[in-house]
Amino acid sequence: MDLSKYNPNSQFLLYKTETGDVKVDVLLQNETVWMSQKKIAELFDVQRPAITKHLKNIFESGELNEKVVCSILELTTT
């Protein structure tokens, strides 16, 4: 990962492999990383439904509270 262009004042970080195959946009807010399901799927090289399934299981198990960790803006834009 090349952080030579890292800007600490930026809200977004762009990541890519050495070959430039993957780019993931990340929003940092109050020391919390926010990513859309689409971007998480790109990061793990899976389809979005796989991420949706895993998140559903996490919320149903009570490991995370959906109302606390989900952004309505992200849900409506992805």
PDB file of N, CA and C in Angstrom:
ATOM      1  N   MET A   1       0.850  -1.164   0.000  1.00  0.00           N
ATOM      2  CA  MET A   1       0.000   0.000   0.000  1.00  0.00           C
ATOM      3  C   MET A   1       0.895   1.225   0.000  1.00  0.00           C
ATOM      4  N   ASP A   2       0.658   2.137  -0.913  1.00  0.00           N
ATOM      5  CA  ASP A   2       1.457   3.348  -1.029  1.00  0.00           C
ATOM      6  C   ASP A   2       0.734   4.499  -0.353  1.00  0.00           C
ATOM      7  N   LEU A   3       1.297   4.977   0.751  1.00  0.00           N
ATOM      8  CA  LEU A   3       0.704   6.113   1.450  1.00  0.00           C
ATOM      9  C   LEU A   3       1.491   7.389   1.195  1.00  0.00           C
ATOM     10  N   SER A   4       2.290   7.422   0.146  1.00  0.00           N
ATOM     11  CA  SER A   4       3.111   8.593  -0.127  1.00  0.00           C
ATOM     12  C   SER A   4       2.273   9.829  -0.420  1.00  0.00           C
ATOM     13  N   LYS A   5       1.043   9.631  -0.858  1.00  0.00           N
ATOM     14  CA  LYS A   5       0.164  10.762  -1.140  1.00  0.00           C
ATOM     15  C   LYS A   5      -0.871  10.958  -0.043  1.00  0.00           C
ATOM     16  N   TYR A   6      -0.625  10.366   1.129  1.00  0.00           N
ATOM     17  CA  TYR A   6      -1.560  10.452   2.254  1.00  0.00           C
ATOM     18  C   TYR A   6      -1.715  11.891   2.713  1.00  0.00           C
ATOM     19  N   ASN A   7      -2.946  12.326   2.856  1.00  0.00           N
ATOM     20  CA  ASN A   7      -3.256  13.658   3.360  1.00  0.00           C
ATOM     21  C   ASN A   7      -4.037  13.497   4.651  1.00  0.00           C
ATOM     22  N   PRO A   8      -3.461  13.848   5.814  1.00  0.00           N
ATOM     23  CA  PRO A   8      -4.155  13.642   7.092  1.00  0.00           C
ATOM     24  C   PRO A   8      -5.418  14.477   7.242  1.00  0.00           C
ATOM     25  N   ASN A   9      -5.608  15.486   6.401  1.00  0.00           N
ATOM     26  CA  ASN A   9      -6.810  16.320   6.470  1.00  0.00           C
ATOM     27  C   ASN A   9      -7.927  15.809   5.573  1.00  0.00           C
ATOM     28  N   SER A  10      -7.639  14.814   4.776  1.00  0.00           N
ATOM     29  CA  SER A  10      -8.624  14.269   3.845  1.00  0.00           C
ATOM     30  C   SER A  10      -9.608  13.359   4.563  1.00  0.00           C
ATOM     31  N   GLN A  11     -10.858  13.348   4.102  1.00  0.00           N
ATOM     32  CA  GLN A  11     -11.863  12.455   4.660  1.00  0.00           C
ATOM     33  C   GLN A  11     -11.810  11.082   3.998  1.00  0.00           C
ATOM     34  N   PHE A  12     -11.138  10.976   2.888  1.00  0.00           N
ATOM     35  CA  PHE A  12     -11.088   9.720   2.155  1.00  0.00           C
ATOM     36  C   PHE A  12      -9.651   9.255   1.974  1.00  0.00           C
ATOM     37  N   LEU A  13      -9.472   7.962   2.065  1.00  0.00           N
ATOM     38  CA  LEU A  13      -8.193   7.346   1.735  1.00  0.00           C
ATOM     39  C   LEU A  13      -8.428   6.445   0.539  1.00  0.00           C
ATOM     40  N   LEU A  14      -7.531   6.463  -0.392  1.00  0.00           N
ATOM     41  CA  LEU A  14      -7.634   5.593  -1.554  1.00  0.00           C
ATOM     42  C   LEU A  14      -6.552   4.534  -1.453  1.00  0.00           C
ATOM     43  N   TYR A  15      -6.968   3.285  -1.496  1.00  0.00           N
ATOM     44  CA  TYR A  15      -6.047   2.160  -1.408  1.00  0.00           C
ATOM     45  C   TYR A  15      -6.024   1.430  -2.732  1.00  0.00           C
ATOM     46  N   LYS A  16      -4.857   0.934  -3.111  1.00  0.00           N
ATOM     47  CA  LYS A  16      -4.782   0.059  -4.269  1.00  0.00           C
ATOM     48  C   LYS A  16      -3.580  -0.854  -4.135  1.00  0.00           C
ATOM     49  N   THR A  17      -3.663  -1.988  -4.809  1.00  0.00           N
ATOM     50  CA  THR A  17      -2.556  -2.936  -4.787  1.00  0.00           C
ATOM     51  C   THR A  17      -1.401  -2.367  -5.593  1.00  0.00           C
ATOM     52  N   GLU A  18      -0.265  -3.030  -5.495  1.00  0.00           N
ATOM     53  CA  GLU A  18       0.899  -2.575  -6.253  1.00  0.00           C
ATOM     54  C   GLU A  18       0.640  -2.591  -7.753  1.00  0.00           C
ATOM     55  N   THR A  19      -0.244  -3.472  -8.193  1.00  0.00           N
ATOM     56  CA  THR A  19      -0.576  -3.538  -9.620  1.00  0.00           C
ATOM     57  C   THR A  19      -1.709  -2.588  -9.979  1.00  0.00           C
ATOM     58  N   GLY A  20      -2.298  -1.937  -8.975  1.00  0.00           N
ATOM     59  CA  GLY A  20      -3.370  -0.988  -9.224  1.00  0.00           C
ATOM     60  C   GLY A  20      -4.719  -1.617  -9.466  1.00  0.00           C
ATOM     61  N   ASP A  21      -4.889  -2.886  -9.113  1.00  0.00           N
ATOM     62  CA  ASP A  21      -6.133  -3.598  -9.399  1.00  0.00           C
ATOM     63  C   ASP A  21      -7.300  -3.210  -8.503  1.00  0.00           C
ATOM     64  N   VAL A  22      -7.041  -2.820  -7.266  1.00  0.00           N
ATOM     65  CA  VAL A  22      -8.127  -2.574  -6.325  1.00  0.00           C
ATOM     66  C   VAL A  22      -8.023  -1.161  -5.785  1.00  0.00           C
ATOM     67  N   LYS A  23      -9.150  -0.475  -5.722  1.00  0.00           N
ATOM     68  CA  LYS A  23      -9.202   0.849  -5.119  1.00  0.00           C
ATOM     69  C   LYS A  23     -10.406   0.872  -4.198  1.00  0.00           C
ATOM     70  N   VAL A  24     -10.218   1.227  -2.945  1.00  0.00           N
ATOM     71  CA  VAL A  24     -11.311   1.249  -1.979  1.00  0.00           C
ATOM     72  C   VAL A  24     -11.378   2.626  -1.349  1.00  0.00           C
ATOM     73  N   ASP A  25     -12.544   3.246  -1.396  1.00  0.00           N
ATOM     74  CA  ASP A  25     -12.750   4.539  -0.760  1.00  0.00           C
ATOM     75  C   ASP A  25     -13.196   4.315   0.676  1.00  0.00           C
ATOM     76  N   VAL A  26     -12.580   5.032   1.592  1.00  0.00           N
ATOM     77  CA  VAL A  26     -12.884   4.882   3.012  1.00  0.00           C
ATOM     78  C   VAL A  26     -13.156   6.257   3.597  1.00  0.00           C
ATOM     79  N   LEU A  27     -14.232   6.385   4.338  1.00  0.00           N
ATOM     80  CA  LEU A  27     -14.535   7.632   5.027  1.00  0.00           C
ATOM     81  C   LEU A  27     -14.143   7.476   6.484  1.00  0.00           C
ATOM     82  N   LEU A  28     -13.298   8.367   6.970  1.00  0.00           N
ATOM     83  CA  LEU A  28     -12.898   8.369   8.370  1.00  0.00           C
ATOM     84  C   LEU A  28     -13.648   9.488   9.080  1.00  0.00           C
ATOM     85  N   GLN A  29     -14.357   9.136  10.151  1.00  0.00           N
ATOM     86  CA  GLN A  29     -15.118  10.129  10.899  1.00  0.00           C
ATOM     87  C   GLN A  29     -15.052   9.773  12.376  1.00  0.00           C
ATOM     88  N   ASN A  30     -14.520  10.676  13.192  1.00  0.00           N
ATOM     89  CA  ASN A  30     -14.400  10.453  14.637  1.00  0.00           C
ATOM     90  C   ASN A  30     -13.716   9.126  14.952  1.00  0.00           C
ATOM     91  N   GLU A  31     -12.614   8.854  14.276  1.00  0.00           N
ATOM     92  CA  GLU A  31     -11.818   7.642  14.470  1.00  0.00           C
ATOM     93  C   GLU A  31     -12.571   6.362  14.105  1.00  0.00           C
ATOM     94  N   THR A  32     -13.622   6.495  13.306  1.00  0.00           N
ATOM     95  CA  THR A  32     -14.401   5.352  12.840  1.00  0.00           C
ATOM     96  C   THR A  32     -14.278   5.261  11.323  1.00  0.00           C
ATOM     97  N   VAL A  33     -14.087   4.059  10.824  1.00  0.00           N
ATOM     98  CA  VAL A  33     -14.009   3.830   9.384  1.00  0.00           C
ATOM     99  C   VAL A  33     -15.390   3.461   8.875  1.00  0.00           C
ATOM    100  N   TRP A  34     -15.856   4.153   7.846  1.00  0.00           N
ATOM    101  CA  TRP A  34     -17.152   3.874   7.230  1.00  0.00           C
ATOM    102  C   TRP A  34     -16.921   3.428   5.797  1.00  0.00           C
ATOM    103  N   MET A  35     -17.563   2.316   5.427  1.00  0.00           N
ATOM    104  CA  MET A  35     -17.496   1.825   4.052  1.00  0.00           C
ATOM    105  C   MET A  35     -18.874   1.320   3.652  1.00  0.00           C
ATOM    106  N   SER A  36     -19.213   1.523   2.405  1.00  0.00           N
ATOM    107  CA  SER A  36     -20.466   0.964   1.904  1.00  0.00           C
ATOM    108  C   SER A  36     -20.299  -0.545   1.732  1.00  0.00           C
ATOM    109  N   GLN A  37     -21.417  -1.248   1.662  1.00  0.00           N
ATOM    110  CA  GLN A  37     -21.354  -2.692   1.434  1.00  0.00           C
ATOM    111  C   GLN A  37     -20.664  -2.989   0.110  1.00  0.00           C
ATOM    112  N   LYS A  38     -20.893  -2.150  -0.865  1.00  0.00           N
ATOM    113  CA  LYS A  38     -20.252  -2.336  -2.169  1.00  0.00           C
ATOM    114  C   LYS A  38     -18.732  -2.260  -2.039  1.00  0.00           C
ATOM    115  N   LYS A  39     -18.238  -1.294  -1.276  1.00  0.00           N
ATOM    116  CA  LYS A  39     -16.793  -1.137  -1.109  1.00  0.00           C
ATOM    117  C   LYS A  39     -16.198  -2.266  -0.270  1.00  0.00           C
ATOM    118  N   ILE A  40     -16.936  -2.743   0.737  1.00  0.00           N
ATOM    119  CA  ILE A  40     -16.468  -3.882   1.534  1.00  0.00           C
ATOM    120  C   ILE A  40     -16.360  -5.114   0.635  1.00  0.00           C
ATOM    121  N   ALA A  41     -17.354  -5.297  -0.245  1.00  0.00           N
ATOM    122  CA  ALA A  41     -17.329  -6.428  -1.179  1.00  0.00           C
ATOM    123  C   ALA A  41     -16.116  -6.336  -2.102  1.00  0.00           C
ATOM    124  N   GLU A  42     -15.814  -5.140  -2.591  1.00  0.00           N
ATOM    125  CA  GLU A  42     -14.637  -4.961  -3.444  1.00  0.00           C
ATOM    126  C   GLU A  42     -13.362  -5.298  -2.681  1.00  0.00           C
ATOM    127  N   LEU A  43     -13.283  -4.864  -1.427  1.00  0.00           N
ATOM    128  CA  LEU A  43     -12.099  -5.113  -0.611  1.00  0.00           C
ATOM    129  C   LEU A  43     -11.826  -6.604  -0.444  1.00  0.00           C
ATOM    130  N   PHE A  44     -12.896  -7.388  -0.227  1.00  0.00           N
ATOM    131  CA  PHE A  44     -12.749  -8.823   0.004  1.00  0.00           C
ATOM    132  C   PHE A  44     -12.954  -9.655  -1.256  1.00  0.00           C
ATOM    133  N   ASP A  45     -13.154  -8.982  -2.396  1.00  0.00           N
ATOM    134  CA  ASP A  45     -13.316  -9.648  -3.686  1.00  0.00           C
ATOM    135  C   ASP A  45     -14.461 -10.655  -3.663  1.00  0.00           C
ATOM    136  N   VAL A  46     -15.602 -10.195  -3.160  1.00  0.00           N
ATOM    137  CA  VAL A  46     -16.830 -10.995  -3.148  1.00  0.00           C
ATOM    138  C   VAL A  46     -17.958 -10.128  -3.686  1.00  0.00           C
ATOM    139  N   GLN A  47     -19.118 -10.722  -3.882  1.00  0.00           N
ATOM    140  CA  GLN A  47     -20.283  -9.972  -4.326  1.00  0.00           C
ATOM    141  C   GLN A  47     -20.971  -9.325  -3.125  1.00  0.00           C
ATOM    142  N   ARG A  48     -21.689  -8.238  -3.351  1.00  0.00           N
ATOM    143  CA  ARG A  48     -22.358  -7.510  -2.275  1.00  0.00           C
ATOM    144  C   ARG A  48     -23.317  -8.380  -1.462  1.00  0.00           C
ATOM    145  N   PRO A  49     -24.081  -9.316  -2.066  1.00  0.00           N
ATOM    146  CA  PRO A  49     -24.974 -10.155  -1.260  1.00  0.00           C
ATOM    147  C   PRO A  49     -24.248 -10.947  -0.167  1.00  0.00           C
ATOM    148  N   ALA A  50     -22.992 -11.318  -0.394  1.00  0.00           N
ATOM    149  CA  ALA A  50     -22.230 -12.033   0.644  1.00  0.00           C
ATOM    150  C   ALA A  50     -22.008 -11.131   1.851  1.00  0.00           C
ATOM    151  N   ILE A  51     -21.717  -9.869   1.615  1.00  0.00           N
ATOM    152  CA  ILE A  51     -21.522  -8.907   2.706  1.00  0.00           C
ATOM    153  C   ILE A  51     -22.838  -8.683   3.430  1.00  0.00           C
ATOM    154  N   THR A  52     -23.922  -8.535   2.670  1.00  0.00           N
ATOM    155  CA  THR A  52     -25.246  -8.343   3.269  1.00  0.00           C
ATOM    156  C   THR A  52     -25.597  -9.512   4.178  1.00  0.00           C
ATOM    157  N   LYS A  53     -25.332 -10.728   3.717  1.00  0.00           N
ATOM    158  CA  LYS A  53     -25.618 -11.933   4.504  1.00  0.00           C
ATOM    159  C   LYS A  53     -24.830 -11.932   5.814  1.00  0.00           C
ATOM    160  N   HIS A  54     -23.541 -11.630   5.730  1.00  0.00           N
ATOM    161  CA  HIS A  54     -22.709 -11.639   6.939  1.00  0.00           C
ATOM    162  C   HIS A  54     -23.125 -10.535   7.911  1.00  0.00           C
ATOM    163  N   LEU A  55     -23.442  -9.361   7.386  1.00  0.00           N
ATOM    164  CA  LEU A  55     -23.897  -8.278   8.265  1.00  0.00           C
ATOM    165  C   LEU A  55     -25.219  -8.641   8.937  1.00  0.00           C
ATOM    166  N   LYS A  56     -26.119  -9.264   8.188  1.00  0.00           N
ATOM    167  CA  LYS A  56     -27.399  -9.687   8.760  1.00  0.00           C
ATOM    168  C   LYS A  56     -27.169 -10.651   9.922  1.00  0.00           C
ATOM    169  N   ASN A  57     -26.257 -11.608   9.726  1.00  0.00           N
ATOM    170  CA  ASN A  57     -25.940 -12.563  10.793  1.00  0.00           C
ATOM    171  C   ASN A  57     -25.330 -11.872  12.010  1.00  0.00           C
ATOM    172  N   ILE A  58     -24.473 -10.898  11.774  1.00  0.00           N
ATOM    173  CA  ILE A  58     -23.848 -10.152  12.878  1.00  0.00           C
ATOM    174  C   ILE A  58     -24.905  -9.394  13.671  1.00  0.00           C
ATOM    175  N   PHE A  59     -25.842  -8.752  12.970  1.00  0.00           N
ATOM    176  CA  PHE A  59     -26.893  -7.993  13.655  1.00  0.00           C
ATOM    177  C   PHE A  59     -27.851  -8.924  14.392  1.00  0.00           C
ATOM    178  N   GLU A  60     -28.221 -10.041  13.762  1.00  0.00           N
ATOM    179  CA  GLU A  60     -29.143 -10.989  14.401  1.00  0.00           C
ATOM    180  C   GLU A  60     -28.532 -11.644  15.634  1.00  0.00           C
ATOM    181  N   SER A  61     -27.220 -11.835  15.634  1.00  0.00           N
ATOM    182  CA  SER A  61     -26.552 -12.449  16.789  1.00  0.00           C
ATOM    183  C   SER A  61     -26.387 -11.470  17.945  1.00  0.00           C
ATOM    184  N   GLY A  62     -26.588 -10.188  17.664  1.00  0.00           N
ATOM    185  CA  GLY A  62     -26.427  -9.174  18.705  1.00  0.00           C
ATOM    186  C   GLY A  62     -24.994  -8.705  18.881  1.00  0.00           C
ATOM    187  N   GLU A  63     -24.096  -9.188  18.025  1.00  0.00           N
ATOM    188  CA  GLU A  63     -22.692  -8.773  18.120  1.00  0.00           C
ATOM    189  C   GLU A  63     -22.559  -7.266  17.902  1.00  0.00           C
ATOM    190  N   LEU A  64     -23.346  -6.737  16.971  1.00  0.00           N
ATOM    191  CA  LEU A  64     -23.399  -5.296  16.726  1.00  0.00           C
ATOM    192  C   LEU A  64     -24.851  -4.856  16.654  1.00  0.00           C
ATOM    193  N   ASN A  65     -25.094  -3.610  17.043  1.00  0.00           N
ATOM    194  CA  ASN A  65     -26.428  -3.026  16.969  1.00  0.00           C
ATOM    195  C   ASN A  65     -26.544  -2.269  15.652  1.00  0.00           C
ATOM    196  N   GLU A  66     -27.440  -2.717  14.798  1.00  0.00           N
ATOM    197  CA  GLU A  66     -27.585  -2.129  13.468  1.00  0.00           C
ATOM    198  C   GLU A  66     -27.877  -0.639  13.533  1.00  0.00           C
ATOM    199  N   LYS A  67     -28.679  -0.212  14.495  1.00  0.00           N
ATOM    200  CA  LYS A  67     -29.047   1.204  14.602  1.00  0.00           C
ATOM    201  C   LYS A  67     -27.857   2.085  14.964  1.00  0.00           C
ATOM    202  N   VAL A  68     -26.850   1.499  15.578  1.00  0.00           N
ATOM    203  CA  VAL A  68     -25.675   2.260  15.993  1.00  0.00           C
ATOM    204  C   VAL A  68     -24.606   2.308  14.901  1.00  0.00           C
ATOM    205  N   VAL A  69     -24.457   1.225  14.152  1.00  0.00           N
ATOM    206  CA  VAL A  69     -23.333   1.125  13.214  1.00  0.00           C
ATOM    207  C   VAL A  69     -23.689   1.364  11.751  1.00  0.00           C
ATOM    208  N   CYS A  70     -24.950   1.586  11.431  1.00  0.00           N
ATOM    209  CA  CYS A  70     -25.341   1.827  10.044  1.00  0.00           C
ATOM    210  C   CYS A  70     -25.677   3.293   9.840  1.00  0.00           C
ATOM    211  N   SER A  71     -25.236   3.816   8.717  1.00  0.00           N
ATOM    212  CA  SER A  71     -25.533   5.189   8.335  1.00  0.00           C
ATOM    213  C   SER A  71     -26.651   5.162   7.304  1.00  0.00           C
ATOM    214  N   ILE A  72     -27.723   5.889   7.558  1.00  0.00           N
ATOM    215  CA  ILE A  72     -28.852   5.930   6.613  1.00  0.00           C
ATOM    216  C   ILE A  72     -28.406   6.489   5.266  1.00  0.00           C
ATOM    217  N   LEU A  73     -27.467   7.410   5.262  1.00  0.00           N
ATOM    218  CA  LEU A  73     -26.961   7.954   4.010  1.00  0.00           C
ATOM    219  C   LEU A  73     -26.311   6.863   3.175  1.00  0.00           C
ATOM    220  N   GLU A  74     -25.504   6.028   3.799  1.00  0.00           N
ATOM    221  CA  GLU A  74     -24.856   4.944   3.069  1.00  0.00           C
ATOM    222  C   GLU A  74     -25.869   3.936   2.559  1.00  0.00           C
ATOM    223  N   LEU A  75     -26.890   3.659   3.338  1.00  0.00           N
ATOM    224  CA  LEU A  75     -27.888   2.678   2.915  1.00  0.00           C
ATOM    225  C   LEU A  75     -28.674   3.167   1.713  1.00  0.00           C
ATOM    226  N   THR A  76     -28.917   4.468   1.630  1.00  0.00           N
ATOM    227  CA  THR A  76     -29.722   4.978   0.529  1.00  0.00           C
ATOM    228  C   THR A  76     -28.908   5.237  -0.724  1.00  0.00           C
ATOM    229  N   THR A  77     -27.574   5.293  -0.602  1.00  0.00           N
ATOM    230  CA  THR A  77     -26.765   5.617  -1.767  1.00  0.00           C
ATOM    231  C   THR A  77     -26.039   4.430  -2.369  1.00  0.00           C
ATOM    232  N   THR A  78     -26.169   3.247  -1.759  1.00  0.00           N
ATOM    233  CA  THR A  78     -25.440   2.098  -2.307  1.00  0.00           C
ATOM    234  C   THR A  78     -26.383   1.127  -2.962  1.00  0.00           C
TER     235      THR A  78
END
